[in-house]
Each structure stands twice: as C-alpha cells, then as structure tokens.
C-alpha cells in the first residue's frame, strides 16, 4: 500500500499520545497532584488537562481509523474524525503557547515542564501536531475548517469566565489561575485567546496543506 510506513508511524504516535495521556490522568487519582491542588477533580479545571484528554481521544480515533485502512477495511478517514483531531491539535497548541508565554515566566520552568507536565505541555502538543501535519493521511483540508479548532477554547472560556468573573473565588468559584481577569480585563484576554487559537488552527492547516501538495499523500475521498 502506498504510504504504508507513514500510516504505521501515525498509528504508533497517536497510540503513544493516547496511552501516555491516559496514564498521566490516572496518576492524578493516585496522588500525582502537584502543588496547590487538593483533589484529582481540581485538575479538570485546567485547560491543559481538558485539552489533552480531547487530543488523546482524537488520537485514539485516528489510530483506529488508520489500522482499519491498513487492513483494507476502510479507504479514508471520516471527516468528523479529521475535524475532531484538528480541535485537539489546536487546543494543545494553545496550551503549549500559553505555557511558554504566560505561565513559565510566572510559575517557573520546573513546575511547567517537570515530570508529567512535560508530556501535557510539550510532548503531546508536539506529537499531535507532527502526526496531524505529516502522518495522519489527510488530504487537503479547506481553511474554513480552522474555525472548528476554536470550539474547545470557547467552551472552556465560557466556563472559566463564569467561575472566575461572574461567581468569583470568594463565592465558591475558581481562582483566576491563568490571570486572564487581571484588572478586570477579561474581555481583552478573551479576544486574544480567540484570535490566538484561530491563528494556530489556521497555521496548522496551511502547513499541512503545503506538505500535502508536495508529498501527494492522500487516501481515497480524503479531501475536505
């Protein structure tokens, strides 16, 4: 089969992402909570955790689809699965960018890049991006689909703002751990995060489409 090695590499990387992320999440319930976290449930307040779970689910779906293609049971990856994977990749790229630009200067590299945090902040974003752009077997993807990459950020943003701004920490809401409501300027942060996520999603598709054009890597009926 043409591009068989590439599909096999895709399966391996996507399953690694799923397995390691699953292991990290399980470790939260075994005491791997880090500083300032009281219970495993608190970990799910963070976009890092949620975006990694989303991306891991997308990686598992892609891995399964590619195994079926390698076995000759399918000829292409379903469009919803491609879009789902893009949502996870865009979310992880936002996580990576936020860590590098905002969180490391505040909390330091040891907290943000040490232990399992390295996988959640750097390893998973890198592997998901590489597999999506170079290995997963998508054809050319229309740029308007980049809007799908913004959906997880908008959903999380709504929950974050509700707990931080409208309820408030003193009333049982969330502490503003991302400092997005500093000086009451949450709306500026929202615009920046929205534009940043859209840019990352769009750049991912542009790079993928450029690579696709050069390599001709495509499965049957796999352009959207």
C-alpha atoms as a PDB file:
ATOM      1  CA  UNK A   1       0.000   0.000   0.000  1.00  0.00           C
ATOM      2  CA  UNK A   2       1.261   3.450  -0.895  1.00  0.00           C
ATOM      3  CA  UNK A   3       2.348   5.439   2.159  1.00  0.00           C
ATOM      4  CA  UNK A   4       2.052   2.353   4.387  1.00  0.00           C
ATOM      5  CA  UNK A   5       5.061   3.358   6.502  1.00  0.00           C
ATOM      6  CA  UNK A   6       3.599   6.793   7.081  1.00  0.00           C
ATOM      7  CA  UNK A   7       0.300   5.350   8.239  1.00  0.00           C
ATOM      8  CA  UNK A   8       2.079   2.927  10.565  1.00  0.00           C
ATOM      9  CA  UNK A   9       4.049   5.830  12.051  1.00  0.00           C
ATOM     10  CA  UNK A  10       0.771   7.694  12.517  1.00  0.00           C
ATOM     11  CA  UNK A  11      -0.744   4.760  14.380  1.00  0.00           C
ATOM     12  CA  UNK A  12       2.291   4.469  16.669  1.00  0.00           C
ATOM     13  CA  UNK A  13       2.444   8.165  17.542  1.00  0.00           C
ATOM     14  CA  UNK A  14      -1.290   8.511  18.079  1.00  0.00           C
ATOM     15  CA  UNK A  15      -1.417   5.467  20.334  1.00  0.00           C
ATOM     16  CA  UNK A  16       1.571   6.773  22.311  1.00  0.00           C
ATOM     17  CA  UNK A  17      -0.278  10.050  22.873  1.00  0.00           C
ATOM     18  CA  UNK A  18      -3.404   8.220  23.998  1.00  0.00           C
ATOM     19  CA  UNK A  19      -1.550   5.792  26.273  1.00  0.00           C
ATOM     20  CA  UNK A  20       0.696   8.350  27.969  1.00  0.00           C
ATOM     21  CA  UNK A  21      -2.086  10.900  28.439  1.00  0.00           C
ATOM     22  CA  UNK A  22      -4.336   8.222  29.901  1.00  0.00           C
ATOM     23  CA  UNK A  23      -1.522   7.225  32.254  1.00  0.00           C
ATOM     24  CA  UNK A  24      -0.997  10.819  33.361  1.00  0.00           C
ATOM     25  CA  UNK A  25      -4.699  11.353  34.051  1.00  0.00           C
ATOM     26  CA  UNK A  26      -4.869   8.095  36.030  1.00  0.00           C
ATOM     27  CA  UNK A  27      -1.842   9.238  38.028  1.00  0.00           C
ATOM     28  CA  UNK A  28      -3.847  12.214  39.282  1.00  0.00           C
ATOM     29  CA  UNK A  29      -6.098   9.785  41.143  1.00  0.00           C
ATOM     30  CA  UNK A  30      -3.016   8.064  42.587  1.00  0.00           C
ATOM     31  CA  UNK A  31      -1.620  11.192  44.209  1.00  0.00           C
ATOM     32  CA  UNK A  32       0.213  12.967  41.383  1.00  0.00           C
ATOM     33  CA  UNK A  33      -1.455  16.320  42.034  1.00  0.00           C
ATOM     34  CA  UNK A  34       1.443  18.750  42.246  1.00  0.00           C
ATOM     35  CA  UNK A  35       1.420  21.984  44.222  1.00  0.00           C
ATOM     36  CA  UNK A  36      -1.742  23.794  45.334  1.00  0.00           C
ATOM     37  CA  UNK A  37      -4.090  21.036  44.097  1.00  0.00           C
ATOM     38  CA  UNK A  38      -6.345  19.492  46.741  1.00  0.00           C
ATOM     39  CA  UNK A  39      -8.126  16.736  44.806  1.00  0.00           C
ATOM     40  CA  UNK A  40      -7.952  14.950  41.421  1.00  0.00           C
ATOM     41  CA  UNK A  41     -11.180  16.688  40.356  1.00  0.00           C
ATOM     42  CA  UNK A  42      -9.414  20.050  40.618  1.00  0.00           C
ATOM     43  CA  UNK A  43      -7.117  19.004  37.771  1.00  0.00           C
ATOM     44  CA  UNK A  44     -10.052  19.155  35.380  1.00  0.00           C
ATOM     45  CA  UNK A  45     -10.415  22.887  35.993  1.00  0.00           C
ATOM     46  CA  UNK A  46      -7.310  23.406  33.886  1.00  0.00           C
ATOM     47  CA  UNK A  47      -7.447  23.741  30.114  1.00  0.00           C
ATOM     48  CA  UNK A  48      -4.226  21.724  29.982  1.00  0.00           C
ATOM     49  CA  UNK A  49      -5.975  18.632  31.329  1.00  0.00           C
ATOM     50  CA  UNK A  50      -9.116  19.079  29.252  1.00  0.00           C
ATOM     51  CA  UNK A  51      -7.252  19.801  26.009  1.00  0.00           C
ATOM     52  CA  UNK A  52      -5.006  16.772  26.480  1.00  0.00           C
ATOM     53  CA  UNK A  53      -7.978  14.483  27.084  1.00  0.00           C
ATOM     54  CA  UNK A  54      -9.658  15.855  23.954  1.00  0.00           C
ATOM     55  CA  UNK A  55      -6.493  15.380  21.908  1.00  0.00           C
ATOM     56  CA  UNK A  56      -5.964  11.868  23.294  1.00  0.00           C
ATOM     57  CA  UNK A  57      -9.488  10.889  22.259  1.00  0.00           C
ATOM     58  CA  UNK A  58      -8.820  12.275  18.779  1.00  0.00           C
ATOM     59  CA  UNK A  59      -5.517  10.421  18.605  1.00  0.00           C
ATOM     60  CA  UNK A  60      -7.220   7.152  19.536  1.00  0.00           C
ATOM     61  CA  UNK A  61      -9.866   7.679  16.842  1.00  0.00           C
ATOM     62  CA  UNK A  62      -7.232   8.394  14.181  1.00  0.00           C
ATOM     63  CA  UNK A  63      -5.169   5.405  15.254  1.00  0.00           C
ATOM     64  CA  UNK A  64      -8.152   3.074  14.964  1.00  0.00           C
ATOM     65  CA  UNK A  65      -9.129   4.523  11.571  1.00  0.00           C
ATOM     66  CA  UNK A  66      -5.613   4.067  10.211  1.00  0.00           C
ATOM     67  CA  UNK A  67      -5.457   0.469  11.425  1.00  0.00           C
ATOM     68  CA  UNK A  68      -8.688  -0.237   9.557  1.00  0.00           C
ATOM     69  CA  UNK A  69      -7.212   1.421   6.458  1.00  0.00           C
ATOM     70  CA  UNK A  70      -4.036  -0.657   6.725  1.00  0.00           C
ATOM     71  CA  UNK A  71      -6.198  -3.797   6.964  1.00  0.00           C
ATOM     72  CA  UNK A  72      -8.175  -2.740   3.907  1.00  0.00           C
ATOM     73  CA  UNK A  73     -11.433  -2.311   5.815  1.00  0.00           C
ATOM     74  CA  UNK A  74     -11.643   1.433   5.142  1.00  0.00           C
ATOM     75  CA  UNK A  75     -10.388   3.677   2.347  1.00  0.00           C
ATOM     76  CA  UNK A  76     -10.358   7.023   4.097  1.00  0.00           C
ATOM     77  CA  UNK A  77     -10.591   8.747   7.445  1.00  0.00           C
ATOM     78  CA  UNK A  78     -14.117  10.072   8.136  1.00  0.00           C
ATOM     79  CA  UNK A  79     -14.463  13.838   8.004  1.00  0.00           C
ATOM     80  CA  UNK A  80     -15.782  14.136  11.601  1.00  0.00           C
ATOM     81  CA  UNK A  81     -12.691  12.308  12.858  1.00  0.00           C
ATOM     82  CA  UNK A  82     -10.378  14.680  10.980  1.00  0.00           C
ATOM     83  CA  UNK A  83     -12.196  17.699  12.409  1.00  0.00           C
ATOM     84  CA  UNK A  84     -12.137  16.179  15.902  1.00  0.00           C
ATOM     85  CA  UNK A  85      -8.374  15.662  15.645  1.00  0.00           C
ATOM     86  CA  UNK A  86      -7.933  19.283  14.498  1.00  0.00           C
ATOM     87  CA  UNK A  87      -9.852  20.515  17.539  1.00  0.00           C
ATOM     88  CA  UNK A  88      -7.488  18.604  19.798  1.00  0.00           C
ATOM     89  CA  UNK A  89      -4.365  19.789  17.994  1.00  0.00           C
ATOM     90  CA  UNK A  90      -5.418  23.454  18.070  1.00  0.00           C
ATOM     91  CA  UNK A  91      -6.235  23.148  21.773  1.00  0.00           C
ATOM     92  CA  UNK A  92      -2.855  21.614  22.579  1.00  0.00           C
ATOM     93  CA  UNK A  93      -1.030  24.281  20.580  1.00  0.00           C
ATOM     94  CA  UNK A  94      -2.866  26.901  22.635  1.00  0.00           C
ATOM     95  CA  UNK A  95      -1.817  25.046  25.793  1.00  0.00           C
ATOM     96  CA  UNK A  96       1.813  24.987  24.645  1.00  0.00           C
ATOM     97  CA  UNK A  97       1.785  28.678  23.711  1.00  0.00           C
ATOM     98  CA  UNK A  98       0.137  29.703  26.981  1.00  0.00           C
ATOM     99  CA  UNK A  99       2.683  27.747  28.997  1.00  0.00           C
ATOM    100  CA  UNK A 100       5.650  29.200  27.138  1.00  0.00           C
ATOM    101  CA  UNK A 101       4.446  32.798  27.017  1.00  0.00           C
ATOM    102  CA  UNK A 102       2.392  33.263  30.188  1.00  0.00           C
ATOM    103  CA  UNK A 103       2.916  30.509  32.738  1.00  0.00           C
ATOM    104  CA  UNK A 104       6.657  29.823  32.716  1.00  0.00           C
ATOM    105  CA  UNK A 105       7.502  33.472  33.480  1.00  0.00           C
ATOM    106  CA  UNK A 106       5.053  33.380  36.424  1.00  0.00           C
ATOM    107  CA  UNK A 107       5.432  29.881  37.871  1.00  0.00           C
ATOM    108  CA  UNK A 108       8.860  28.906  36.548  1.00  0.00           C
ATOM    109  CA  UNK A 109      10.020  26.136  34.182  1.00  0.00           C
ATOM    110  CA  UNK A 110      10.322  23.483  36.910  1.00  0.00           C
ATOM    111  CA  UNK A 111       6.589  23.483  37.622  1.00  0.00           C
ATOM    112  CA  UNK A 112       5.509  23.786  33.995  1.00  0.00           C
ATOM    113  CA  UNK A 113       7.976  21.391  32.386  1.00  0.00           C
ATOM    114  CA  UNK A 114       8.854  18.937  35.140  1.00  0.00           C
ATOM    115  CA  UNK A 115       7.530  15.399  35.471  1.00  0.00           C
ATOM    116  CA  UNK A 116       4.238  14.579  33.784  1.00  0.00           C
ATOM    117  CA  UNK A 117       3.730  18.274  32.999  1.00  0.00           C
ATOM    118  CA  UNK A 118       6.312  17.924  30.227  1.00  0.00           C
ATOM    119  CA  UNK A 119       4.099  15.493  28.359  1.00  0.00           C
ATOM    120  CA  UNK A 120       0.955  17.571  28.844  1.00  0.00           C
ATOM    121  CA  UNK A 121       2.614  20.877  27.951  1.00  0.00           C
ATOM    122  CA  UNK A 122       5.204  19.904  25.326  1.00  0.00           C
ATOM    123  CA  UNK A 123       5.292  16.215  24.392  1.00  0.00           C
ATOM    124  CA  UNK A 124       1.634  15.707  23.492  1.00  0.00           C
ATOM    125  CA  UNK A 125       1.334  19.014  21.595  1.00  0.00           C
ATOM    126  CA  UNK A 126       4.437  18.179  19.554  1.00  0.00           C
ATOM    127  CA  UNK A 127       3.379  14.620  18.731  1.00  0.00           C
ATOM    128  CA  UNK A 128      -0.195  15.577  17.849  1.00  0.00           C
ATOM    129  CA  UNK A 129       0.968  18.423  15.621  1.00  0.00           C
ATOM    130  CA  UNK A 130       3.546  16.271  13.824  1.00  0.00           C
ATOM    131  CA  UNK A 131       1.113  13.427  13.239  1.00  0.00           C
ATOM    132  CA  UNK A 132      -1.658  15.724  12.014  1.00  0.00           C
ATOM    133  CA  UNK A 133       0.530  17.685   9.619  1.00  0.00           C
ATOM    134  CA  UNK A 134       2.792  14.945   8.269  1.00  0.00           C
ATOM    135  CA  UNK A 135       1.474  11.456   9.010  1.00  0.00           C
ATOM    136  CA  UNK A 136      -2.255  11.049   9.515  1.00  0.00           C
ATOM    137  CA  UNK A 137      -3.157  10.665   5.850  1.00  0.00           C
ATOM    138  CA  UNK A 138      -5.478  13.608   5.375  1.00  0.00           C
ATOM    139  CA  UNK A 139      -5.790  15.245   2.002  1.00  0.00           C
ATOM    140  CA  UNK A 140      -6.132  18.960   1.530  1.00  0.00           C
ATOM    141  CA  UNK A 141      -8.352  20.490   4.210  1.00  0.00           C
ATOM    142  CA  UNK A 142     -10.324  23.634   3.402  1.00  0.00           C
ATOM    143  CA  UNK A 143      -9.209  26.575   5.530  1.00  0.00           C
ATOM    144  CA  UNK A 144     -12.696  27.431   6.890  1.00  0.00           C
ATOM    145  CA  UNK A 145     -12.446  24.231   8.923  1.00  0.00           C
ATOM    146  CA  UNK A 146      -9.909  26.085  11.065  1.00  0.00           C
ATOM    147  CA  UNK A 147     -12.932  27.583  12.846  1.00  0.00           C
ATOM    148  CA  UNK A 148     -13.589  24.170  14.383  1.00  0.00           C
ATOM    149  CA  UNK A 149     -10.303  24.448  16.243  1.00  0.00           C
ATOM    150  CA  UNK A 150     -11.699  27.372  18.243  1.00  0.00           C
ATOM    151  CA  UNK A 151     -14.699  25.481  19.649  1.00  0.00           C
ATOM    152  CA  UNK A 152     -12.968  23.841  22.663  1.00  0.00           C
ATOM    153  CA  UNK A 153     -11.388  27.147  23.683  1.00  0.00           C
ATOM    154  CA  UNK A 154     -14.750  28.940  23.511  1.00  0.00           C
ATOM    155  CA  UNK A 155     -16.477  26.258  25.591  1.00  0.00           C
ATOM    156  CA  UNK A 156     -13.743  26.262  28.214  1.00  0.00           C
ATOM    157  CA  UNK A 157     -13.574  30.065  28.154  1.00  0.00           C
ATOM    158  CA  UNK A 158     -17.269  30.335  28.921  1.00  0.00           C
ATOM    159  CA  UNK A 159     -16.909  28.016  31.942  1.00  0.00           C
ATOM    160  CA  UNK A 160     -13.756  29.798  33.113  1.00  0.00           C
ATOM    161  CA  UNK A 161     -15.303  33.260  32.890  1.00  0.00           C
ATOM    162  CA  UNK A 162     -18.463  32.103  34.633  1.00  0.00           C
ATOM    163  CA  UNK A 163     -16.498  30.735  37.585  1.00  0.00           C
ATOM    164  CA  UNK A 164     -13.872  33.472  37.768  1.00  0.00           C
ATOM    165  CA  UNK A 165     -15.787  36.610  36.824  1.00  0.00           C
ATOM    166  CA  UNK A 166     -19.471  36.013  37.489  1.00  0.00           C
ATOM    167  CA  UNK A 167     -19.212  33.789  40.590  1.00  0.00           C
ATOM    168  CA  UNK A 168     -15.806  34.781  41.910  1.00  0.00           C
ATOM    169  CA  UNK A 169     -13.348  32.908  44.090  1.00  0.00           C
ATOM    170  CA  UNK A 170     -14.780  34.295  47.350  1.00  0.00           C
ATOM    171  CA  UNK A 171     -18.205  32.868  46.445  1.00  0.00           C
ATOM    172  CA  UNK A 172     -17.017  29.377  45.624  1.00  0.00           C
ATOM    173  CA  UNK A 173     -15.879  29.965  42.037  1.00  0.00           C
ATOM    174  CA  UNK A 174     -12.421  29.464  40.611  1.00  0.00           C
ATOM    175  CA  UNK A 175      -9.228  31.307  41.444  1.00  0.00           C
ATOM    176  CA  UNK A 176      -8.006  33.235  38.394  1.00  0.00           C
ATOM    177  CA  UNK A 177      -5.041  30.883  37.953  1.00  0.00           C
ATOM    178  CA  UNK A 178      -4.450  31.968  34.343  1.00  0.00           C
ATOM    179  CA  UNK A 179      -4.618  35.656  35.341  1.00  0.00           C
ATOM    180  CA  UNK A 180      -6.977  36.302  32.432  1.00  0.00           C
ATOM    181  CA  UNK A 181      -9.110  38.675  34.500  1.00  0.00           C
ATOM    182  CA  UNK A 182      -6.245  40.787  35.745  1.00  0.00           C
ATOM    183  CA  UNK A 183      -7.514  44.331  36.436  1.00  0.00           C
ATOM    184  CA  UNK A 184     -10.947  43.213  35.263  1.00  0.00           C
ATOM    185  CA  UNK A 185      -9.816  42.976  31.638  1.00  0.00           C
ATOM    186  CA  UNK A 186     -11.212  39.522  30.913  1.00  0.00           C
ATOM    187  CA  UNK A 187     -12.711  40.684  27.625  1.00  0.00           C
ATOM    188  CA  UNK A 188      -9.274  41.604  26.282  1.00  0.00           C
ATOM    189  CA  UNK A 189      -7.944  38.196  27.310  1.00  0.00           C
ATOM    190  CA  UNK A 190     -10.895  36.525  25.604  1.00  0.00           C
ATOM    191  CA  UNK A 191     -10.224  38.312  22.323  1.00  0.00           C
ATOM    192  CA  UNK A 192      -6.511  37.482  22.490  1.00  0.00           C
ATOM    193  CA  UNK A 193      -7.179  33.798  23.219  1.00  0.00           C
ATOM    194  CA  UNK A 194      -9.797  33.601  20.477  1.00  0.00           C
ATOM    195  CA  UNK A 195      -7.525  35.138  17.848  1.00  0.00           C
ATOM    196  CA  UNK A 196      -4.537  33.106  19.034  1.00  0.00           C
ATOM    197  CA  UNK A 197      -6.423  29.812  18.804  1.00  0.00           C
ATOM    198  CA  UNK A 198      -7.819  30.653  15.375  1.00  0.00           C
ATOM    199  CA  UNK A 199      -4.333  31.598  14.163  1.00  0.00           C
ATOM    200  CA  UNK A 200      -2.828  28.352  15.468  1.00  0.00           C
ATOM    201  CA  UNK A 201      -5.603  26.290  13.894  1.00  0.00           C
ATOM    202  CA  UNK A 202      -5.250  28.105  10.573  1.00  0.00           C
ATOM    203  CA  UNK A 203      -1.449  27.770  10.531  1.00  0.00           C
ATOM    204  CA  UNK A 204      -1.783  24.047  11.228  1.00  0.00           C
ATOM    205  CA  UNK A 205      -3.983  23.624   8.166  1.00  0.00           C
ATOM    206  CA  UNK A 206      -1.755  25.822   5.992  1.00  0.00           C
ATOM    207  CA  UNK A 207       1.353  23.814   6.896  1.00  0.00           C
ATOM    208  CA  UNK A 208      -0.499  20.541   6.408  1.00  0.00           C
ATOM    209  CA  UNK A 209      -1.883  21.575   3.018  1.00  0.00           C
ATOM    210  CA  UNK A 210       1.551  22.732   1.851  1.00  0.00           C
ATOM    211  CA  UNK A 211       3.056  19.399   2.847  1.00  0.00           C
ATOM    212  CA  UNK A 212       0.199  17.526   1.184  1.00  0.00           C
ATOM    213  CA  UNK A 213       0.749  19.453  -2.036  1.00  0.00           C
ATOM    214  CA  UNK A 214       4.422  18.466  -2.086  1.00  0.00           C
ATOM    215  CA  UNK A 215       4.050  14.855  -0.992  1.00  0.00           C
ATOM    216  CA  UNK A 216       0.772  13.941  -2.662  1.00  0.00           C
ATOM    217  CA  UNK A 217      -0.087  11.941   0.441  1.00  0.00           C
ATOM    218  CA  UNK A 218      -3.818  11.256   0.269  1.00  0.00           C
ATOM    219  CA  UNK A 219      -6.256   8.469   0.879  1.00  0.00           C
ATOM    220  CA  UNK A 220      -9.279   7.919  -1.291  1.00  0.00           C
ATOM    221  CA  UNK A 221     -12.022  10.597  -0.866  1.00  0.00           C
ATOM    222  CA  UNK A 222      -9.976  12.211   1.862  1.00  0.00           C
ATOM    223  CA  UNK A 223     -10.134  15.889   0.949  1.00  0.00           C
ATOM    224  CA  UNK A 224     -12.465  18.232   2.768  1.00  0.00           C
END
